[in-house]
Amino acid sequence: MLAFKPVILWTDALIYVLIAVAAVFAWHVRRREHLLAPWKRVAHSPSGMASLVVLVFFVAAGLLDSVHFRPALEAKNAGEPVYSVDVLSLLDVVTTDLRQRTEKTYSAPFAAHLFAKETVEHPDGTQVREFPRLRFGAAHLKDPERELAADVLANGGRGVLAGIALWLAVVVGFTAGLAAGSRRSVSATWSAIWRGGTEVPWRAVYVALAVMLVLAGATVALAAKYHVFGTDKVGQDVLYLALKSIRTGLVIGTLTTLVMLPFALLLGIMAGYFRGWVDDVIQYVYTTLSSIPGVLLIAAFILMMQVYVETRPDLFDTTAARADIRLLFLCIILGVTSWTGLCRLLRGEALKLREMEYIQAAHAFGVSHWRVITRHILPNVMHIVLIAVVMDFSGLVLSEAVLSYVGVGVDPSMISFGTMINAARLEMAREPMVWWSLAAAFVFMLALVLCANLFADAVRDAFDPRVRTLRLEPAAAGGEAKA
């Protein structure tokens, strides 16, 4: 009997397809210099490369959380294997300690006691109101009041040193590889990197990697003995909840884009290329859709889907499957309601391109409309598509948080930044205030959205021909002045 039963959720399957498409696209781009050139310009941006390093950590956590399985249970009979109804992921396996070390209720970050007083009975029979000790957080300390600060510093310091050691190993190995590829000595390559004399800003990559590994090392070392971000109302580790929320944000940002692109590409290019009544119909459709409040459409769609799921429990064997199908439909409705902006941009670009000389020449030679669109129009609007997709990612992540906050987002059983914020909003009015759940969601969302925006800026600068033209003109002027 297998120790687990593989489970592929709908969003998991779509993520695997997206990875395969990205791999094929990367292979296709590497074989064509004109497609590779803009990505090389992206690699020349220090902020873009540094933000990419941080995004790699987020993507790694999301991918680990996208490999699901049901662990096997001990069977009483030797018949059919029995599997748990709980669906776990590889991230759950990696963070087993965080997942299983649940307290009774709230506890503050790095605390040794519960956040609220309880009636505790002592061995002599007396009952007093005090803050009980945590079962796991700082449980190794005999006198937390005197030992906690020093122990936190000691464990955090060891984690920082471990992160620095790992960083040095990675940097030395990578620098040696760069030196071998450029046929230079390791010392010369290292000196060029730290002077900023390399074509790719490896110095920014090394600095970002050092920050991430130091933070990760300190967090891992401290999380083994403390609740770094405290615990929530039911005693779950908030750091674990924040790590689990990453996948939800990434799924919303990527899968919604897959739904949005076909509508925007097809309708936008058709409206600008064919004009006439086709343009009028498409403009009427997206103008009408833009006039309807998106929240109302999303709420109506999600509520109808929720009724469908609840009335057909036989279709979904686990809670994770029910939550996943709601997440998938949320991505679909977000994509259906968010394609209009990109459609307008593509319509305007198609209107301009159809008047170009090479398009008119293709018409004169009798080239079909389909071939003109696929061979001439579509390749020349892909820079707009790529820029819009990358820049919309952060907005979609924030949309999930807002929708889950108002109750029409992901399923309440699914962990996300929005559900974390929704659970923390009522506790902000407590005295003393429970602030750490909201703070953890804020920190992780800020890091994810900020890095996505910085990378989007680098992509925009590399792919937008207007930006390159503005940069070349001052350079040309400076060259003429020198001449």
Protein backbone atom coordinates (compact mmCIF):
# COMPACT_ATOMS: atom_id res chain seq x y z
CA MET A 1 0.00 0.00 0.00
CA LEU A 2 1.27 3.47 -0.86
CA ALA A 3 1.97 5.77 2.05
CA PHE A 4 -0.03 8.45 0.27
CA LYS A 5 -2.58 8.97 -2.48
CA PRO A 6 -1.70 11.66 -5.05
CA VAL A 7 -4.31 14.37 -5.43
CA ILE A 8 -4.39 16.75 -8.40
CA LEU A 9 -6.73 19.66 -7.86
CA TRP A 10 -8.01 21.73 -10.74
CA THR A 11 -5.74 24.64 -9.95
CA ASP A 12 -2.79 22.24 -9.56
CA ALA A 13 -3.37 20.90 -13.08
CA LEU A 14 -3.57 24.41 -14.51
CA ILE A 15 -0.35 25.37 -12.71
CA TYR A 16 1.43 22.35 -14.20
CA VAL A 17 0.16 23.33 -17.65
CA LEU A 18 1.37 26.89 -17.09
CA ILE A 19 4.83 25.64 -16.11
CA ALA A 20 4.98 23.51 -19.26
CA VAL A 21 3.91 26.45 -21.43
CA ALA A 22 6.51 28.68 -19.77
CA ALA A 23 9.23 26.08 -20.40
CA VAL A 24 8.26 25.78 -24.07
CA PHE A 25 8.15 29.57 -24.40
CA ALA A 26 11.61 29.91 -22.82
CA TRP A 27 12.99 27.28 -25.19
CA HIS A 28 11.39 29.08 -28.14
CA VAL A 29 12.76 32.47 -27.08
CA ARG A 30 16.31 31.19 -26.59
CA ARG A 31 16.42 30.01 -30.22
CA ARG A 32 15.46 33.43 -31.65
CA GLU A 33 17.68 36.41 -31.03
CA HIS A 34 15.03 39.05 -31.76
CA LEU A 35 12.80 37.55 -29.03
CA LEU A 36 15.70 37.09 -26.61
CA ALA A 37 16.95 40.68 -26.91
CA PRO A 38 14.16 42.30 -24.78
CA TRP A 39 14.65 39.71 -22.04
CA LYS A 40 18.35 40.50 -22.03
CA ARG A 41 17.40 44.13 -21.41
CA VAL A 42 15.27 42.97 -18.48
CA ALA A 43 18.34 41.18 -17.10
CA HIS A 44 20.26 44.49 -17.22
CA SER A 45 17.95 46.10 -14.63
CA PRO A 46 19.34 45.92 -11.06
CA SER A 47 15.92 46.44 -9.47
CA GLY A 48 14.31 43.92 -11.80
CA MET A 49 16.89 41.22 -11.08
CA ALA A 50 16.81 41.85 -7.32
CA SER A 51 13.03 41.63 -7.28
CA LEU A 52 13.19 38.47 -9.37
CA VAL A 53 15.31 36.82 -6.67
CA VAL A 54 12.62 37.54 -4.08
CA LEU A 55 9.87 36.35 -6.44
CA VAL A 56 11.73 33.05 -6.90
CA PHE A 57 11.34 32.37 -3.16
CA PHE A 58 7.61 33.11 -3.34
CA VAL A 59 7.17 30.95 -6.45
CA ALA A 60 9.08 28.10 -4.82
CA ALA A 61 6.73 28.20 -1.82
CA GLY A 62 3.72 28.29 -4.15
CA LEU A 63 4.93 25.31 -6.18
CA LEU A 64 5.64 23.27 -3.05
CA ASP A 65 2.08 24.01 -1.96
CA SER A 66 0.74 22.83 -5.35
CA VAL A 67 1.80 19.19 -4.98
CA HIS A 68 -1.02 17.58 -2.98
CA PHE A 69 -1.63 14.14 -1.54
CA ARG A 70 -3.72 12.31 1.05
CA PRO A 71 -1.65 10.40 3.63
CA ALA A 72 -2.50 6.76 4.30
CA LEU A 73 -4.13 5.71 7.57
CA GLU A 74 -3.63 2.52 9.49
CA ALA A 75 -6.15 0.04 8.11
CA LYS A 76 -7.89 -2.29 10.54
CA ASN A 77 -8.32 -4.94 7.87
CA ALA A 78 -6.04 -6.03 5.06
CA GLY A 79 -8.53 -4.94 2.42
CA GLU A 80 -8.72 -1.62 0.59
CA PRO A 81 -6.24 1.05 1.71
CA VAL A 82 -7.66 3.90 3.76
CA TYR A 83 -6.52 7.45 3.22
CA SER A 84 -7.05 10.55 5.28
CA VAL A 85 -9.67 13.10 4.26
CA ASP A 86 -7.11 15.82 4.89
CA VAL A 87 -5.27 16.92 1.74
CA LEU A 88 -1.68 17.92 2.45
CA SER A 89 1.03 19.43 0.26
CA LEU A 90 4.81 19.31 0.14
CA LEU A 91 4.83 22.67 1.89
CA ASP A 92 2.84 21.10 4.72
CA VAL A 93 5.49 18.39 4.97
CA VAL A 94 8.32 20.94 5.04
CA THR A 95 6.50 23.00 7.70
CA THR A 96 5.20 20.06 9.73
CA ASP A 97 6.37 21.57 13.02
CA LEU A 98 4.62 24.86 12.32
CA ARG A 99 1.44 23.07 11.26
CA GLN A 100 1.24 20.72 14.23
CA ARG A 101 2.40 23.02 17.04
CA THR A 102 -0.96 24.61 17.78
CA GLU A 103 -1.61 26.49 20.99
CA LYS A 104 -4.88 27.02 22.84
CA THR A 105 -5.53 30.52 21.49
CA TYR A 106 -3.76 33.81 20.82
CA SER A 107 -0.10 34.31 21.66
CA ALA A 108 2.07 37.27 20.68
CA PRO A 109 5.22 36.92 18.56
CA PHE A 110 8.10 35.32 20.51
CA ALA A 111 5.85 34.99 23.55
CA ALA A 112 6.14 32.31 26.22
CA HIS A 113 2.60 32.75 27.59
CA LEU A 114 -0.90 32.99 26.18
CA PHE A 115 -2.19 36.44 25.35
CA ALA A 116 -5.21 36.27 27.67
CA LYS A 117 -5.44 35.41 31.35
CA GLU A 118 -7.09 32.18 32.42
CA THR A 119 -8.00 30.58 35.73
CA VAL A 120 -5.17 28.19 36.58
CA GLU A 121 -5.31 25.68 39.42
CA HIS A 122 -2.03 25.08 41.25
CA PRO A 123 -1.02 21.75 42.83
CA ASP A 124 -2.03 23.02 46.28
CA GLY A 125 -5.61 23.56 45.07
CA THR A 126 -5.51 27.37 44.84
CA GLN A 127 -6.91 29.01 41.71
CA VAL A 128 -5.42 32.21 40.31
CA ARG A 129 -5.86 34.30 37.19
CA GLU A 130 -2.63 34.37 35.19
CA PHE A 131 -1.17 33.98 31.71
CA PRO A 132 -0.62 30.23 31.16
CA ARG A 133 2.59 28.98 29.56
CA LEU A 134 2.46 27.94 25.93
CA ARG A 135 2.69 24.28 25.04
CA PHE A 136 5.35 24.81 22.35
CA GLY A 137 6.44 28.45 22.17
CA ALA A 138 9.51 28.99 24.40
CA ALA A 139 8.68 25.72 26.17
CA HIS A 140 12.39 24.95 26.58
CA LEU A 141 12.92 27.98 28.86
CA LYS A 142 12.64 27.55 32.61
CA ASP A 143 12.45 31.27 33.39
CA PRO A 144 11.21 33.09 30.27
CA GLU A 145 11.31 36.53 31.86
CA ARG A 146 15.09 36.38 32.23
CA GLU A 147 16.09 33.96 29.48
CA LEU A 148 13.80 34.82 26.56
CA ALA A 149 15.60 37.89 25.12
CA ALA A 150 19.03 36.27 25.25
CA ASP A 151 17.73 33.01 23.77
CA VAL A 152 16.00 34.82 20.89
CA LEU A 153 19.21 36.69 20.08
CA ALA A 154 21.29 33.51 20.30
CA ASN A 155 18.99 31.45 18.06
CA GLY A 156 18.51 34.32 15.64
CA GLY A 157 22.27 34.83 15.47
CA ARG A 158 22.85 31.17 14.67
CA GLY A 159 20.25 31.37 11.93
CA VAL A 160 21.89 34.47 10.48
CA LEU A 161 25.28 32.75 10.46
CA ALA A 162 23.76 29.70 8.75
CA GLY A 163 22.18 31.97 6.11
CA ILE A 164 25.50 33.74 5.52
CA ALA A 165 27.33 30.42 5.20
CA LEU A 166 24.78 29.17 2.64
CA TRP A 167 25.02 32.48 0.77
CA LEU A 168 28.80 32.25 0.60
CA ALA A 169 28.59 28.69 -0.72
CA VAL A 170 26.10 29.69 -3.43
CA VAL A 171 28.01 32.84 -4.38
CA VAL A 172 31.38 31.12 -4.58
CA GLY A 173 29.99 28.31 -6.70
CA PHE A 174 28.11 30.64 -9.01
CA THR A 175 31.06 33.01 -9.37
CA ALA A 176 33.31 30.08 -10.25
CA GLY A 177 30.81 29.07 -12.92
CA LEU A 178 30.74 32.60 -14.35
CA ALA A 179 34.55 32.70 -14.34
CA ALA A 180 34.75 29.40 -16.21
CA GLY A 181 32.22 30.60 -18.77
CA SER A 182 34.06 33.89 -19.40
CA ARG A 183 37.53 32.28 -19.21
CA ARG A 184 38.66 34.62 -16.47
CA SER A 185 39.99 34.01 -13.00
CA VAL A 186 37.60 33.75 -10.08
CA SER A 187 39.15 36.78 -8.37
CA ALA A 188 38.84 38.92 -11.52
CA THR A 189 35.21 37.86 -11.95
CA TRP A 190 34.45 38.58 -8.28
CA SER A 191 36.07 42.02 -8.56
CA ALA A 192 34.10 42.84 -11.70
CA ILE A 193 30.83 41.82 -10.03
CA TRP A 194 31.34 43.99 -6.96
CA ARG A 195 32.48 46.95 -9.07
CA GLY A 196 29.28 46.66 -11.09
CA GLY A 197 31.29 45.99 -14.24
CA THR A 198 29.26 43.01 -15.46
CA GLU A 199 26.58 43.17 -18.13
CA VAL A 200 24.08 41.48 -15.82
CA PRO A 201 23.89 43.24 -12.42
CA TRP A 202 25.04 40.23 -10.39
CA ARG A 203 25.90 42.50 -7.48
CA ALA A 204 22.22 43.35 -7.02
CA VAL A 205 21.36 39.64 -7.31
CA TYR A 206 23.95 38.72 -4.67
CA VAL A 207 22.73 41.41 -2.27
CA ALA A 208 19.07 40.38 -2.67
CA LEU A 209 20.02 36.72 -2.22
CA ALA A 210 21.99 37.58 0.93
CA VAL A 211 19.03 39.42 2.43
CA MET A 212 16.63 36.57 1.66
CA LEU A 213 18.93 33.82 2.96
CA VAL A 214 19.74 35.74 6.15
CA LEU A 215 16.04 36.35 6.82
CA ALA A 216 15.18 32.74 5.97
CA GLY A 217 17.97 31.40 8.19
CA ALA A 218 16.94 33.50 11.16
CA THR A 219 13.27 32.65 10.67
CA VAL A 220 13.91 28.90 10.43
CA ALA A 221 16.11 28.94 13.53
CA LEU A 222 13.61 30.94 15.58
CA ALA A 223 10.51 29.11 14.29
CA ALA A 224 11.87 25.86 15.70
CA LYS A 225 11.36 27.14 19.25
CA TYR A 226 9.05 30.16 18.99
CA HIS A 227 6.00 31.41 17.16
CA VAL A 228 7.73 34.12 15.12
CA PHE A 229 4.47 35.84 14.10
CA GLY A 230 2.45 34.58 17.06
CA THR A 231 -0.69 32.45 16.85
CA ASP A 232 -4.29 33.16 15.83
CA LYS A 233 -7.60 32.62 17.64
CA VAL A 234 -7.47 28.82 17.36
CA GLY A 235 -3.76 28.63 18.12
CA GLN A 236 -2.41 28.14 14.58
CA ASP A 237 1.02 29.53 13.83
CA VAL A 238 0.58 32.76 11.85
CA LEU A 239 3.87 32.21 9.97
CA TYR A 240 2.45 28.94 8.65
CA LEU A 241 -0.76 30.70 7.57
CA ALA A 242 1.23 33.39 5.75
CA LEU A 243 3.30 30.79 3.89
CA LYS A 244 0.13 28.92 2.87
CA SER A 245 -1.41 32.16 1.61
CA ILE A 246 1.33 32.60 -0.99
CA ARG A 247 -0.09 29.93 -3.30
CA THR A 248 -3.55 31.49 -3.26
CA GLY A 249 -2.15 34.87 -4.26
CA LEU A 250 -0.03 33.38 -7.04
CA VAL A 251 -2.95 31.31 -8.38
CA ILE A 252 -5.21 34.36 -8.47
CA GLY A 253 -2.54 36.40 -10.25
CA THR A 254 -1.58 33.81 -12.88
CA LEU A 255 -4.69 31.77 -13.66
CA THR A 256 -6.86 34.87 -13.91
CA THR A 257 -4.46 36.10 -16.58
CA LEU A 258 -4.95 32.89 -18.56
CA VAL A 259 -8.70 33.49 -18.55
CA MET A 260 -8.36 37.18 -19.43
CA LEU A 261 -5.92 36.89 -22.35
CA PRO A 262 -8.13 35.07 -24.91
CA PHE A 263 -10.94 37.63 -24.53
CA ALA A 264 -8.61 40.63 -24.70
CA LEU A 265 -6.47 39.32 -27.58
CA LEU A 266 -9.25 38.02 -29.79
CA LEU A 267 -11.77 40.82 -29.32
CA GLY A 268 -9.25 43.67 -29.15
CA ILE A 269 -7.43 42.73 -32.35
CA MET A 270 -10.68 41.95 -34.18
CA ALA A 271 -12.18 45.33 -33.24
CA GLY A 272 -9.15 47.28 -34.43
CA TYR A 273 -8.44 45.23 -37.55
CA PHE A 274 -11.91 44.71 -39.04
CA ARG A 275 -13.49 47.98 -37.79
CA GLY A 276 -17.05 48.63 -38.99
CA TRP A 277 -19.87 46.70 -37.34
CA VAL A 278 -17.42 44.26 -35.70
CA ASP A 279 -15.77 47.16 -33.90
CA ASP A 280 -19.15 48.59 -32.89
CA VAL A 281 -20.36 45.28 -31.42
CA ILE A 282 -17.16 44.63 -29.47
CA GLN A 283 -17.06 48.20 -28.15
CA TYR A 284 -20.67 47.84 -27.02
CA VAL A 285 -19.86 44.58 -25.22
CA TYR A 286 -16.87 45.82 -23.25
CA THR A 287 -18.40 49.22 -22.57
CA THR A 288 -21.50 47.54 -21.12
CA LEU A 289 -19.39 45.13 -19.08
CA SER A 290 -17.26 47.97 -17.74
CA SER A 291 -20.41 49.81 -16.65
CA ILE A 292 -21.49 46.98 -14.34
CA PRO A 293 -19.85 47.04 -10.89
CA GLY A 294 -17.40 44.15 -10.89
CA VAL A 295 -18.03 43.30 -7.25
CA LEU A 296 -21.72 42.62 -7.98
CA LEU A 297 -20.89 40.24 -10.82
CA ILE A 298 -18.30 38.43 -8.74
CA ALA A 299 -20.62 38.17 -5.73
CA ALA A 300 -23.51 36.82 -7.82
CA PHE A 301 -21.30 34.31 -9.61
CA ILE A 302 -19.61 33.07 -6.45
CA LEU A 303 -22.90 32.71 -4.56
CA MET A 304 -24.47 30.72 -7.40
CA MET A 305 -21.42 28.48 -7.57
CA GLN A 306 -21.50 28.01 -3.80
CA VAL A 307 -25.13 26.84 -3.97
CA TYR A 308 -24.16 24.38 -6.71
CA VAL A 309 -21.32 22.94 -4.63
CA GLU A 310 -23.40 22.63 -1.46
CA THR A 311 -26.27 20.87 -3.23
CA ARG A 312 -23.94 18.32 -4.86
CA PRO A 313 -21.60 17.11 -2.11
CA ASP A 314 -21.05 13.79 -3.90
CA LEU A 315 -18.96 15.56 -6.57
CA PHE A 316 -16.32 16.69 -4.08
CA ASP A 317 -14.80 14.10 -1.77
CA THR A 318 -12.72 16.50 0.36
CA THR A 319 -12.96 19.99 1.76
CA ALA A 320 -9.87 20.95 -0.23
CA ALA A 321 -11.60 19.97 -3.48
CA ARG A 322 -14.61 22.17 -2.66
CA ALA A 323 -12.39 25.10 -1.72
CA ASP A 324 -10.29 24.61 -4.85
CA ILE A 325 -13.25 24.65 -7.23
CA ARG A 326 -14.39 27.92 -5.66
CA LEU A 327 -10.90 29.35 -6.18
CA LEU A 328 -10.97 28.24 -9.81
CA PHE A 329 -14.34 29.88 -10.44
CA LEU A 330 -13.12 33.04 -8.70
CA CYS A 331 -10.21 33.14 -11.17
CA ILE A 332 -12.66 32.67 -14.05
CA ILE A 333 -15.01 35.47 -13.01
CA LEU A 334 -12.10 37.81 -12.27
CA GLY A 335 -10.73 37.10 -15.73
CA VAL A 336 -14.11 37.65 -17.38
CA THR A 337 -14.52 41.04 -15.67
CA SER A 338 -10.95 42.34 -16.09
CA TRP A 339 -10.18 41.94 -19.80
CA THR A 340 -11.75 45.19 -20.97
CA GLY A 341 -8.78 47.46 -20.22
CA LEU A 342 -6.31 45.36 -22.21
CA CYS A 343 -8.90 44.97 -24.98
CA ARG A 344 -9.06 48.77 -25.40
CA LEU A 345 -5.26 48.98 -25.64
CA LEU A 346 -5.07 46.22 -28.24
CA ARG A 347 -7.89 47.75 -30.28
CA GLY A 348 -6.03 51.06 -30.51
CA GLU A 349 -2.77 49.34 -31.46
CA ALA A 350 -4.50 47.21 -34.10
CA LEU A 351 -6.10 50.33 -35.59
CA LYS A 352 -2.63 51.81 -36.02
CA LEU A 353 -0.95 48.67 -37.32
CA ARG A 354 -3.56 47.90 -39.99
CA GLU A 355 -2.59 51.15 -41.76
CA MET A 356 1.12 50.27 -41.94
CA GLU A 357 2.67 49.77 -45.36
CA TYR A 358 3.55 46.11 -44.90
CA ILE A 359 -0.05 45.32 -43.88
CA GLN A 360 -1.36 47.12 -46.98
CA ALA A 361 1.15 45.21 -49.11
CA ALA A 362 -0.06 41.92 -47.63
CA HIS A 363 -3.63 42.86 -48.55
CA ALA A 364 -2.55 43.75 -52.09
CA PHE A 365 -0.95 40.31 -52.50
CA GLY A 366 -4.18 38.63 -51.36
CA VAL A 367 -2.93 37.36 -47.99
CA SER A 368 -5.83 36.13 -45.86
CA HIS A 369 -7.02 38.09 -42.83
CA TRP A 370 -6.15 35.23 -40.49
CA ARG A 371 -2.57 35.12 -41.73
CA VAL A 372 -2.19 38.90 -41.48
CA ILE A 373 -3.46 38.83 -37.89
CA THR A 374 -1.30 35.89 -36.77
CA ARG A 375 1.91 36.82 -38.63
CA HIS A 376 1.87 40.63 -38.51
CA ILE A 377 -0.62 42.05 -36.01
CA LEU A 378 -0.24 39.60 -33.11
CA PRO A 379 3.60 39.63 -32.87
CA ASN A 380 3.62 43.42 -32.88
CA VAL A 381 1.19 43.74 -29.95
CA MET A 382 2.78 41.10 -27.72
CA HIS A 383 4.91 43.69 -25.92
CA ILE A 384 1.70 45.42 -24.81
CA VAL A 385 0.22 42.10 -23.72
CA LEU A 386 3.30 41.14 -21.72
CA ILE A 387 3.56 44.52 -20.02
CA ALA A 388 -0.16 44.55 -19.11
CA VAL A 389 -0.06 40.98 -17.80
CA VAL A 390 2.95 41.54 -15.55
CA MET A 391 1.62 44.83 -14.21
CA ASP A 392 -1.89 43.42 -13.60
CA PHE A 393 -0.51 40.58 -11.47
CA SER A 394 -0.10 42.70 -8.34
CA GLY A 395 -3.54 44.21 -8.77
CA LEU A 396 -5.12 40.77 -8.93
CA VAL A 397 -3.33 39.67 -5.75
CA LEU A 398 -4.75 42.70 -3.96
CA SER A 399 -8.20 42.01 -5.43
CA GLU A 400 -8.28 38.60 -3.78
CA ALA A 401 -7.51 40.14 -0.41
CA VAL A 402 -10.30 42.70 -0.80
CA LEU A 403 -12.87 40.17 -2.07
CA SER A 404 -12.08 37.67 0.69
CA TYR A 405 -12.35 40.49 3.21
CA VAL A 406 -15.92 41.28 2.09
CA GLY A 407 -16.84 37.58 2.01
CA VAL A 408 -17.07 36.88 -1.75
CA GLY A 409 -13.50 35.69 -2.30
CA VAL A 410 -11.99 32.30 -1.62
CA ASP A 411 -13.64 29.65 0.55
CA PRO A 412 -13.35 30.40 4.29
CA SER A 413 -11.56 27.06 4.77
CA MET A 414 -8.82 28.10 2.33
CA ILE A 415 -5.92 30.06 3.76
CA SER A 416 -5.23 33.33 1.98
CA PHE A 417 -4.16 36.86 2.75
CA GLY A 418 -7.77 37.98 2.50
CA THR A 419 -9.04 35.41 5.00
CA MET A 420 -6.19 36.31 7.35
CA ILE A 421 -7.16 39.99 7.19
CA ASN A 422 -10.85 39.15 7.57
CA ALA A 423 -10.13 37.03 10.66
CA ALA A 424 -7.95 39.75 12.18
CA ARG A 425 -10.25 42.74 11.61
CA LEU A 426 -12.47 42.09 14.65
CA GLU A 427 -9.46 41.51 16.88
CA MET A 428 -8.06 44.96 16.10
CA ALA A 429 -10.69 46.41 18.48
CA ARG A 430 -9.51 44.31 21.43
CA GLU A 431 -7.68 45.84 24.34
CA PRO A 432 -4.85 44.97 24.21
CA MET A 433 -4.93 44.74 20.42
CA VAL A 434 -4.17 41.55 18.49
CA TRP A 435 -2.13 43.00 15.63
CA TRP A 436 0.24 40.27 14.47
CA SER A 437 -2.06 38.41 12.05
CA LEU A 438 -2.70 41.61 10.13
CA ALA A 439 0.99 42.53 10.31
CA ALA A 440 2.08 39.16 8.89
CA ALA A 441 -0.38 39.39 5.99
CA PHE A 442 0.76 42.97 5.35
CA VAL A 443 4.48 42.07 5.32
CA PHE A 444 4.09 39.13 2.94
CA MET A 445 1.68 40.97 0.63
CA LEU A 446 3.95 44.03 0.57
CA ALA A 447 6.98 41.94 -0.35
CA LEU A 448 5.11 40.03 -3.07
CA VAL A 449 3.34 43.01 -4.64
CA LEU A 450 6.35 45.35 -4.39
CA CYS A 451 8.67 42.85 -6.08
CA ALA A 452 6.05 42.14 -8.75
CA ASN A 453 5.74 45.88 -9.45
CA LEU A 454 9.50 46.38 -9.64
CA PHE A 455 9.85 43.45 -12.02
CA ALA A 456 6.92 44.80 -14.06
CA ASP A 457 8.71 48.16 -14.37
CA ALA A 458 11.82 46.39 -15.70
CA VAL A 459 9.72 44.44 -18.21
CA ARG A 460 7.92 47.60 -19.32
CA ASP A 461 11.19 49.47 -19.87
CA ALA A 462 12.62 46.56 -21.86
CA PHE A 463 9.62 45.85 -24.09
CA ASP A 464 8.09 49.30 -24.59
CA PRO A 465 9.66 50.79 -27.75
CA ARG A 466 8.73 54.33 -26.67
CA VAL A 467 10.89 54.05 -23.56
CA ARG A 468 13.85 52.85 -25.62
CA THR A 469 13.37 55.70 -28.09
CA LEU A 470 13.37 58.30 -25.30
CA ARG A 471 16.57 56.81 -23.91
CA LEU A 472 18.32 56.71 -27.27
CA GLU A 473 17.55 60.32 -28.16
CA PRO A 474 19.48 61.90 -25.23
CA ALA A 475 22.36 59.53 -25.91
CA ALA A 476 22.44 60.55 -29.56
CA ALA A 477 22.28 64.22 -28.61
CA GLY A 478 25.18 63.76 -26.22
CA GLY A 479 27.22 62.04 -28.94
CA GLU A 480 26.61 64.91 -31.39
CA ALA A 481 27.65 67.45 -28.77
CA LYS A 482 30.89 65.57 -28.13
CA ALA A 483 31.55 65.38 -31.86
